[in-house]
Amino acid sequence: MPQLTHNESTKVLRPRKHPWLALIALRSVLFYVGASLAALPFLLLWPGICLSRDTVYAVTDRYLRIQLWLLRVMCGVRYEVRGQENLPDTPVLMASQHESTWETLFFQLLLKRPVMYAKQPIFSYPIFGPLMRKLGHVPVATSATGDTMRDGFRAGAAAVKEGRNLLIFPSGTRRLSQDGQVQAGVGVLYQLAGVPAVPICLNSGACWPYGTLLKYPGTIIVEIGAPIEAGLDRRSFMAQLSAALHG
């Protein structure tokens, strides 16, 4: 899989060293103000949560497009998706690097509305909880036991068998350094789903870094790699996925 170049994957300068920190902070505040104001009309449509899943997706997709526009205009954050031809029309397991909140928000819009795993407490939030359930996302217990993990795997595999793509973050939590290990459970999920796995590399942490509200100007590159065929033994699959994501 083609890896992002050094310039594309360069990490953000530490905030205290960034020469335009004050301007970046101001633009970030403007983005959050704009995103909050843009959300108001969509909140009026909240009773529409009882409509079909496709209708709810159409509404949330529109809001996500507004957020992407605000990111570009207010913060100078753009994006580019490469390798779209590597996403087949049949369901796949999408295995992505995870650097920031950016991909958890916008992969819905950019990658054919995949089912995602999310922490269970989110499903109890007043607005996000019903929305997550409506869109078919899978809750994951914060202190997962063997039984809850198996339930999560089965729920994800069931979504794939219903014809949907399933998005996972094999290295777990958000991190700028992409030298982490692929979690062992990914191999179990791959075998249960029985579909090809598509590795995805990105550098979202350079513009939307974890642990800060600041949004740094630049271009987020999403690189979709060639699918890893279905039916491999677990060790071979894990080796190929690790090589594709971590080089």
C-alpha atoms as a PDB file:
ATOM      1  CA  MET A   1       0.000   0.000   0.000  1.00  0.00           C
ATOM      2  CA  PRO A   2       1.395   3.452  -0.861  1.00  0.00           C
ATOM      3  CA  GLN A   3       2.452   5.258   2.294  1.00  0.00           C
ATOM      4  CA  LEU A   4       1.978   8.960   2.908  1.00  0.00           C
ATOM      5  CA  THR A   5       5.069  10.975   2.130  1.00  0.00           C
ATOM      6  CA  HIS A   6       7.047  12.716   4.849  1.00  0.00           C
ATOM      7  CA  ASN A   7       5.470  16.089   4.083  1.00  0.00           C
ATOM      8  CA  GLU A   8       1.960  14.600   4.074  1.00  0.00           C
ATOM      9  CA  SER A   9       2.413  12.838   7.413  1.00  0.00           C
ATOM     10  CA  THR A  10       4.372  15.565   9.217  1.00  0.00           C
ATOM     11  CA  LYS A  11       3.133  16.148  12.749  1.00  0.00           C
ATOM     12  CA  VAL A  12       1.938  19.506  13.975  1.00  0.00           C
ATOM     13  CA  LEU A  13       4.427  21.821  15.633  1.00  0.00           C
ATOM     14  CA  ARG A  14       3.956  21.947  19.372  1.00  0.00           C
ATOM     15  CA  PRO A  15       1.470  24.770  20.134  1.00  0.00           C
ATOM     16  CA  ARG A  16       3.951  26.925  22.026  1.00  0.00           C
ATOM     17  CA  LYS A  17       6.301  26.834  19.023  1.00  0.00           C
ATOM     18  CA  HIS A  18       3.780  27.494  16.270  1.00  0.00           C
ATOM     19  CA  PRO A  19       4.400  30.957  14.747  1.00  0.00           C
ATOM     20  CA  TRP A  20       0.697  31.560  14.017  1.00  0.00           C
ATOM     21  CA  LEU A  21      -0.810  30.157  17.213  1.00  0.00           C
ATOM     22  CA  ALA A  22      -3.011  33.182  17.999  1.00  0.00           C
ATOM     23  CA  LEU A  23      -4.493  33.219  14.489  1.00  0.00           C
ATOM     24  CA  ILE A  24      -5.023  29.450  14.557  1.00  0.00           C
ATOM     25  CA  ALA A  25      -6.802  29.767  17.906  1.00  0.00           C
ATOM     26  CA  LEU A  26      -9.082  32.510  16.559  1.00  0.00           C
ATOM     27  CA  ARG A  27      -9.932  30.528  13.428  1.00  0.00           C
ATOM     28  CA  SER A  28     -10.633  27.451  15.538  1.00  0.00           C
ATOM     29  CA  VAL A  29     -13.060  29.410  17.722  1.00  0.00           C
ATOM     30  CA  LEU A  30     -14.821  30.697  14.602  1.00  0.00           C
ATOM     31  CA  PHE A  31     -15.152  27.132  13.356  1.00  0.00           C
ATOM     32  CA  TYR A  32     -16.805  25.954  16.567  1.00  0.00           C
ATOM     33  CA  VAL A  33     -19.138  28.952  16.608  1.00  0.00           C
ATOM     34  CA  GLY A  34     -20.102  28.306  12.986  1.00  0.00           C
ATOM     35  CA  ALA A  35     -20.589  24.576  13.573  1.00  0.00           C
ATOM     36  CA  SER A  36     -22.812  25.279  16.583  1.00  0.00           C
ATOM     37  CA  LEU A  37     -24.957  27.781  14.684  1.00  0.00           C
ATOM     38  CA  ALA A  38     -25.233  25.417  11.725  1.00  0.00           C
ATOM     39  CA  ALA A  39     -26.495  22.684  14.051  1.00  0.00           C
ATOM     40  CA  LEU A  40     -29.538  24.685  15.163  1.00  0.00           C
ATOM     41  CA  PRO A  41     -31.710  24.095  12.055  1.00  0.00           C
ATOM     42  CA  PHE A  42     -30.840  20.400  12.155  1.00  0.00           C
ATOM     43  CA  LEU A  43     -31.980  20.177  15.771  1.00  0.00           C
ATOM     44  CA  LEU A  44     -35.397  21.387  14.605  1.00  0.00           C
ATOM     45  CA  LEU A  45     -35.505  18.302  12.386  1.00  0.00           C
ATOM     46  CA  TRP A  46     -34.868  16.027  15.364  1.00  0.00           C
ATOM     47  CA  PRO A  47     -38.397  14.484  15.295  1.00  0.00           C
ATOM     48  CA  GLY A  48     -37.313  13.076  11.912  1.00  0.00           C
ATOM     49  CA  ILE A  49     -35.191  10.532  13.814  1.00  0.00           C
ATOM     50  CA  CYS A  50     -38.216   8.237  13.524  1.00  0.00           C
ATOM     51  CA  LEU A  51     -37.978   8.289   9.717  1.00  0.00           C
ATOM     52  CA  SER A  52     -36.020   5.791   7.639  1.00  0.00           C
ATOM     53  CA  ARG A  53     -32.290   5.266   8.164  1.00  0.00           C
ATOM     54  CA  ASP A  54     -31.572   6.571   4.647  1.00  0.00           C
ATOM     55  CA  THR A  55     -33.439   9.800   5.420  1.00  0.00           C
ATOM     56  CA  VAL A  56     -31.524  10.298   8.665  1.00  0.00           C
ATOM     57  CA  TYR A  57     -28.262   9.628   6.827  1.00  0.00           C
ATOM     58  CA  ALA A  58     -29.186  12.212   4.184  1.00  0.00           C
ATOM     59  CA  VAL A  59     -29.757  14.859   6.862  1.00  0.00           C
ATOM     60  CA  THR A  60     -26.570  14.084   8.803  1.00  0.00           C
ATOM     61  CA  ASP A  61     -24.567  13.958   5.566  1.00  0.00           C
ATOM     62  CA  ARG A  62     -25.708  17.510   4.821  1.00  0.00           C
ATOM     63  CA  TYR A  63     -24.534  18.716   8.208  1.00  0.00           C
ATOM     64  CA  LEU A  64     -21.171  16.992   7.792  1.00  0.00           C
ATOM     65  CA  ARG A  65     -20.710  18.720   4.444  1.00  0.00           C
ATOM     66  CA  ILE A  66     -21.336  22.059   6.154  1.00  0.00           C
ATOM     67  CA  GLN A  67     -18.704  21.193   8.758  1.00  0.00           C
ATOM     68  CA  LEU A  68     -16.181  20.316   6.064  1.00  0.00           C
ATOM     69  CA  TRP A  69     -16.902  23.652   4.385  1.00  0.00           C
ATOM     70  CA  LEU A  70     -16.437  25.484   7.682  1.00  0.00           C
ATOM     71  CA  LEU A  71     -13.157  23.663   8.290  1.00  0.00           C
ATOM     72  CA  ARG A  72     -11.902  24.743   4.879  1.00  0.00           C
ATOM     73  CA  VAL A  73     -13.072  28.364   5.095  1.00  0.00           C
ATOM     74  CA  MET A  74     -12.437  29.057   8.775  1.00  0.00           C
ATOM     75  CA  CYS A  75      -9.395  26.887   9.477  1.00  0.00           C
ATOM     76  CA  GLY A  76      -7.806  26.165   6.097  1.00  0.00           C
ATOM     77  CA  VAL A  77      -8.285  22.408   6.573  1.00  0.00           C
ATOM     78  CA  ARG A  78      -8.822  20.520   3.321  1.00  0.00           C
ATOM     79  CA  TYR A  79      -8.938  16.832   2.535  1.00  0.00           C
ATOM     80  CA  GLU A  80      -8.091  14.463  -0.289  1.00  0.00           C
ATOM     81  CA  VAL A  81      -9.225  10.858  -0.638  1.00  0.00           C
ATOM     82  CA  ARG A  82      -7.011   8.602  -2.738  1.00  0.00           C
ATOM     83  CA  GLY A  83      -7.660   5.052  -3.891  1.00  0.00           C
ATOM     84  CA  GLN A  84     -11.461   5.142  -4.075  1.00  0.00           C
ATOM     85  CA  GLU A  85     -11.189   2.453  -6.759  1.00  0.00           C
ATOM     86  CA  ASN A  86     -10.022   0.063  -4.026  1.00  0.00           C
ATOM     87  CA  LEU A  87     -13.450   0.134  -2.371  1.00  0.00           C
ATOM     88  CA  PRO A  88     -15.546  -2.601  -4.015  1.00  0.00           C
ATOM     89  CA  ASP A  89     -19.331  -2.449  -4.331  1.00  0.00           C
ATOM     90  CA  THR A  90     -19.634  -5.478  -2.049  1.00  0.00           C
ATOM     91  CA  PRO A  91     -19.265  -5.179   1.764  1.00  0.00           C
ATOM     92  CA  VAL A  92     -15.760  -4.969   3.230  1.00  0.00           C
ATOM     93  CA  LEU A  93     -14.027  -4.565   6.548  1.00  0.00           C
ATOM     94  CA  MET A  94     -12.424  -1.106   6.578  1.00  0.00           C
ATOM     95  CA  ALA A  95      -9.337  -1.073   8.800  1.00  0.00           C
ATOM     96  CA  SER A  96      -8.128   2.474   9.356  1.00  0.00           C
ATOM     97  CA  GLN A  97      -5.392   4.278  11.224  1.00  0.00           C
ATOM     98  CA  HIS A  98      -6.859   6.507  13.934  1.00  0.00           C
ATOM     99  CA  GLU A  99      -5.298   9.897  14.671  1.00  0.00           C
ATOM    100  CA  SER A 100      -8.196  12.186  15.580  1.00  0.00           C
ATOM    101  CA  THR A 101     -11.935  12.765  15.812  1.00  0.00           C
ATOM    102  CA  TRP A 102     -11.932  13.843  12.166  1.00  0.00           C
ATOM    103  CA  GLU A 103     -12.239  10.317  10.752  1.00  0.00           C
ATOM    104  CA  THR A 104     -14.930   9.267  13.220  1.00  0.00           C
ATOM    105  CA  LEU A 105     -17.048  12.155  11.952  1.00  0.00           C
ATOM    106  CA  PHE A 106     -16.372  12.306   8.246  1.00  0.00           C
ATOM    107  CA  PHE A 107     -15.768   8.701   7.200  1.00  0.00           C
ATOM    108  CA  GLN A 108     -19.550   8.359   7.206  1.00  0.00           C
ATOM    109  CA  LEU A 109     -19.657  10.862   4.375  1.00  0.00           C
ATOM    110  CA  LEU A 110     -16.494   9.842   2.527  1.00  0.00           C
ATOM    111  CA  LEU A 111     -16.559   6.046   2.791  1.00  0.00           C
ATOM    112  CA  LYS A 112     -20.066   4.864   1.929  1.00  0.00           C
ATOM    113  CA  ARG A 113     -21.649   5.156   5.361  1.00  0.00           C
ATOM    114  CA  PRO A 114     -19.927   2.322   7.222  1.00  0.00           C
ATOM    115  CA  VAL A 115     -21.079   0.850  10.500  1.00  0.00           C
ATOM    116  CA  MET A 116     -18.679   1.870  13.276  1.00  0.00           C
ATOM    117  CA  TYR A 117     -17.891   0.768  16.800  1.00  0.00           C
ATOM    118  CA  ALA A 118     -18.385   3.431  19.479  1.00  0.00           C
ATOM    119  CA  LYS A 119     -17.993   3.541  23.246  1.00  0.00           C
ATOM    120  CA  GLN A 120     -21.174   2.436  24.993  1.00  0.00           C
ATOM    121  CA  PRO A 121     -21.677   5.633  27.069  1.00  0.00           C
ATOM    122  CA  ILE A 122     -22.183   7.615  23.849  1.00  0.00           C
ATOM    123  CA  PHE A 123     -25.366   5.644  23.223  1.00  0.00           C
ATOM    124  CA  SER A 124     -26.870   7.131  26.384  1.00  0.00           C
ATOM    125  CA  TYR A 125     -26.300  10.762  25.337  1.00  0.00           C
ATOM    126  CA  PRO A 126     -29.549  12.701  24.710  1.00  0.00           C
ATOM    127  CA  ILE A 127     -28.956  13.493  21.016  1.00  0.00           C
ATOM    128  CA  PHE A 128     -26.068  11.332  19.886  1.00  0.00           C
ATOM    129  CA  GLY A 129     -27.357   8.146  21.505  1.00  0.00           C
ATOM    130  CA  PRO A 130     -30.582   7.779  19.491  1.00  0.00           C
ATOM    131  CA  LEU A 131     -28.736   8.920  16.373  1.00  0.00           C
ATOM    132  CA  MET A 132     -26.008   6.289  16.796  1.00  0.00           C
ATOM    133  CA  ARG A 133     -28.606   3.568  17.288  1.00  0.00           C
ATOM    134  CA  LYS A 134     -30.608   4.739  14.290  1.00  0.00           C
ATOM    135  CA  LEU A 135     -27.559   4.591  12.032  1.00  0.00           C
ATOM    136  CA  GLY A 136     -26.816   1.066  13.192  1.00  0.00           C
ATOM    137  CA  HIS A 137     -23.495   1.635  14.955  1.00  0.00           C
ATOM    138  CA  VAL A 138     -22.267  -0.944  17.446  1.00  0.00           C
ATOM    139  CA  PRO A 139     -21.715  -0.113  21.146  1.00  0.00           C
ATOM    140  CA  VAL A 140     -18.531  -1.290  22.858  1.00  0.00           C
ATOM    141  CA  ALA A 141     -18.304  -1.570  26.640  1.00  0.00           C
ATOM    142  CA  THR A 142     -15.571   0.582  28.174  1.00  0.00           C
ATOM    143  CA  SER A 143     -14.446  -2.386  30.310  1.00  0.00           C
ATOM    144  CA  ALA A 144     -15.040  -5.192  27.843  1.00  0.00           C
ATOM    145  CA  THR A 145     -15.160  -8.792  29.004  1.00  0.00           C
ATOM    146  CA  GLY A 146     -14.787 -11.836  26.802  1.00  0.00           C
ATOM    147  CA  ASP A 147     -18.561 -12.119  26.417  1.00  0.00           C
ATOM    148  CA  THR A 148     -19.102  -8.454  25.523  1.00  0.00           C
ATOM    149  CA  MET A 149     -16.261  -8.566  23.012  1.00  0.00           C
ATOM    150  CA  ARG A 150     -17.765 -11.609  21.338  1.00  0.00           C
ATOM    151  CA  ASP A 151     -21.151  -9.879  21.241  1.00  0.00           C
ATOM    152  CA  GLY A 152     -19.529  -6.876  19.578  1.00  0.00           C
ATOM    153  CA  PHE A 153     -17.778  -9.056  17.010  1.00  0.00           C
ATOM    154  CA  ARG A 154     -21.032 -10.834  16.184  1.00  0.00           C
ATOM    155  CA  ALA A 155     -22.903  -7.530  15.842  1.00  0.00           C
ATOM    156  CA  GLY A 156     -20.263  -6.194  13.467  1.00  0.00           C
ATOM    157  CA  ALA A 157     -20.239  -9.374  11.409  1.00  0.00           C
ATOM    158  CA  ALA A 158     -24.055  -9.281  11.247  1.00  0.00           C
ATOM    159  CA  ALA A 159     -23.918  -5.736   9.822  1.00  0.00           C
ATOM    160  CA  VAL A 160     -21.556  -6.957   7.105  1.00  0.00           C
ATOM    161  CA  LYS A 161     -23.892  -9.829   6.253  1.00  0.00           C
ATOM    162  CA  GLU A 162     -26.682  -7.249   5.895  1.00  0.00           C
ATOM    163  CA  GLY A 163     -24.650  -5.655   3.117  1.00  0.00           C
ATOM    164  CA  ARG A 164     -22.955  -2.791   5.003  1.00  0.00           C
ATOM    165  CA  ASN A 165     -19.281  -1.898   5.299  1.00  0.00           C
ATOM    166  CA  LEU A 166     -17.780  -2.152   8.779  1.00  0.00           C
ATOM    167  CA  LEU A 167     -15.177   0.390   9.926  1.00  0.00           C
ATOM    168  CA  ILE A 168     -12.658  -0.515  12.627  1.00  0.00           C
ATOM    169  CA  PHE A 169      -9.544   1.115  14.076  1.00  0.00           C
ATOM    170  CA  PRO A 170      -7.164  -1.836  14.537  1.00  0.00           C
ATOM    171  CA  SER A 171      -4.682   0.003  16.760  1.00  0.00           C
ATOM    172  CA  GLY A 172      -7.392   1.208  19.106  1.00  0.00           C
ATOM    173  CA  THR A 173      -7.124   4.673  20.591  1.00  0.00           C
ATOM    174  CA  ARG A 174      -6.160   7.802  18.682  1.00  0.00           C
ATOM    175  CA  ARG A 175      -2.424   8.295  18.240  1.00  0.00           C
ATOM    176  CA  LEU A 176      -0.121  10.369  16.047  1.00  0.00           C
ATOM    177  CA  SER A 177       2.524   7.654  16.023  1.00  0.00           C
ATOM    178  CA  GLN A 178       1.322   4.842  13.772  1.00  0.00           C
ATOM    179  CA  ASP A 179       3.752   2.212  14.990  1.00  0.00           C
ATOM    180  CA  GLY A 180       1.205   0.571  17.323  1.00  0.00           C
ATOM    181  CA  GLN A 181       0.249  -3.070  17.136  1.00  0.00           C
ATOM    182  CA  VAL A 182      -2.868  -4.360  15.444  1.00  0.00           C
ATOM    183  CA  GLN A 183      -5.177  -5.627  18.179  1.00  0.00           C
ATOM    184  CA  ALA A 184      -5.674  -9.392  18.225  1.00  0.00           C
ATOM    185  CA  GLY A 185      -9.461  -9.127  18.090  1.00  0.00           C
ATOM    186  CA  VAL A 186      -9.257  -7.693  14.582  1.00  0.00           C
ATOM    187  CA  GLY A 187      -8.268 -11.115  13.274  1.00  0.00           C
ATOM    188  CA  VAL A 188     -11.305 -12.689  14.952  1.00  0.00           C
ATOM    189  CA  LEU A 189     -13.591 -10.082  13.423  1.00  0.00           C
ATOM    190  CA  TYR A 190     -12.036 -10.593   9.977  1.00  0.00           C
ATOM    191  CA  GLN A 191     -12.742 -14.314  10.129  1.00  0.00           C
ATOM    192  CA  LEU A 192     -16.293 -13.826  11.406  1.00  0.00           C
ATOM    193  CA  ALA A 193     -17.123 -11.232   8.731  1.00  0.00           C
ATOM    194  CA  GLY A 194     -15.735 -13.373   5.906  1.00  0.00           C
ATOM    195  CA  VAL A 195     -15.103 -10.413   3.597  1.00  0.00           C
ATOM    196  CA  PRO A 196     -11.986  -8.618   2.281  1.00  0.00           C
ATOM    197  CA  ALA A 197     -10.333  -6.020   4.509  1.00  0.00           C
ATOM    198  CA  VAL A 198      -9.367  -2.616   3.122  1.00  0.00           C
ATOM    199  CA  PRO A 199      -6.467  -0.822   4.918  1.00  0.00           C
ATOM    200  CA  ILE A 200      -6.712   2.962   5.207  1.00  0.00           C
ATOM    201  CA  CYS A 201      -3.848   5.326   6.077  1.00  0.00           C
ATOM    202  CA  LEU A 202      -4.306   8.995   6.958  1.00  0.00           C
ATOM    203  CA  ASN A 203      -2.655  11.996   8.590  1.00  0.00           C
ATOM    204  CA  SER A 204      -5.662  13.701  10.204  1.00  0.00           C
ATOM    205  CA  GLY A 205      -3.730  14.394  13.406  1.00  0.00           C
ATOM    206  CA  ALA A 206      -1.660  16.990  11.565  1.00  0.00           C
ATOM    207  CA  CYS A 207      -4.713  19.245  11.212  1.00  0.00           C
ATOM    208  CA  TRP A 208      -7.088  18.020  13.917  1.00  0.00           C
ATOM    209  CA  PRO A 209      -4.726  16.807  16.685  1.00  0.00           C
ATOM    210  CA  TYR A 210      -6.010  14.821  19.620  1.00  0.00           C
ATOM    211  CA  GLY A 211      -6.126  16.585  22.978  1.00  0.00           C
ATOM    212  CA  THR A 212      -6.618  20.149  21.751  1.00  0.00           C
ATOM    213  CA  LEU A 213      -9.422  22.231  20.260  1.00  0.00           C
ATOM    214  CA  LEU A 214      -7.048  23.862  17.783  1.00  0.00           C
ATOM    215  CA  LYS A 215      -7.445  23.140  14.069  1.00  0.00           C
ATOM    216  CA  TYR A 216      -4.244  23.574  12.042  1.00  0.00           C
ATOM    217  CA  PRO A 217      -4.318  24.468   8.325  1.00  0.00           C
ATOM    218  CA  GLY A 218      -3.269  21.801   5.855  1.00  0.00           C
ATOM    219  CA  THR A 219      -4.571  18.916   3.788  1.00  0.00           C
ATOM    220  CA  ILE A 220      -5.730  15.667   5.344  1.00  0.00           C
ATOM    221  CA  ILE A 221      -4.781  12.776   3.075  1.00  0.00           C
ATOM    222  CA  VAL A 222      -6.861   9.581   3.202  1.00  0.00           C
ATOM    223  CA  GLU A 223      -5.126   6.728   1.353  1.00  0.00           C
ATOM    224  CA  ILE A 224      -7.312   3.675   0.650  1.00  0.00           C
ATOM    225  CA  GLY A 225      -5.161   0.627   0.000  1.00  0.00           C
ATOM    226  CA  ALA A 226      -5.745  -2.503  -2.037  1.00  0.00           C
ATOM    227  CA  PRO A 227      -8.071  -5.007  -0.343  1.00  0.00           C
ATOM    228  CA  ILE A 228      -6.667  -7.935   1.595  1.00  0.00           C
ATOM    229  CA  GLU A 229      -8.528 -10.967   0.315  1.00  0.00           C
ATOM    230  CA  ALA A 230     -11.005 -12.852   2.472  1.00  0.00           C
ATOM    231  CA  GLY A 231     -10.325 -16.334   3.782  1.00  0.00           C
ATOM    232  CA  LEU A 232      -6.713 -15.985   4.931  1.00  0.00           C
ATOM    233  CA  ASP A 233      -5.604 -17.616   8.138  1.00  0.00           C
ATOM    234  CA  ARG A 234      -5.508 -15.217  11.048  1.00  0.00           C
ATOM    235  CA  ARG A 235      -1.729 -14.902  11.270  1.00  0.00           C
ATOM    236  CA  SER A 236      -1.311 -14.137   7.544  1.00  0.00           C
ATOM    237  CA  PHE A 237      -4.085 -11.563   7.667  1.00  0.00           C
ATOM    238  CA  MET A 238      -2.666  -9.812  10.723  1.00  0.00           C
ATOM    239  CA  ALA A 239       0.785  -9.652   9.127  1.00  0.00           C
ATOM    240  CA  GLN A 240      -0.555  -8.151   5.906  1.00  0.00           C
ATOM    241  CA  LEU A 241      -2.745  -5.629   7.725  1.00  0.00           C
ATOM    242  CA  SER A 242       0.064  -4.556  10.042  1.00  0.00           C
ATOM    243  CA  ALA A 243       2.407  -4.047   7.067  1.00  0.00           C
ATOM    244  CA  ALA A 244      -0.218  -2.006   5.221  1.00  0.00           C
ATOM    245  CA  LEU A 245      -0.981   0.275   8.180  1.00  0.00           C
ATOM    246  CA  HIS A 246       2.439   0.606   9.793  1.00  0.00           C
ATOM    247  CA  GLY A 247       4.864  -0.084   6.953  1.00  0.00           C
END
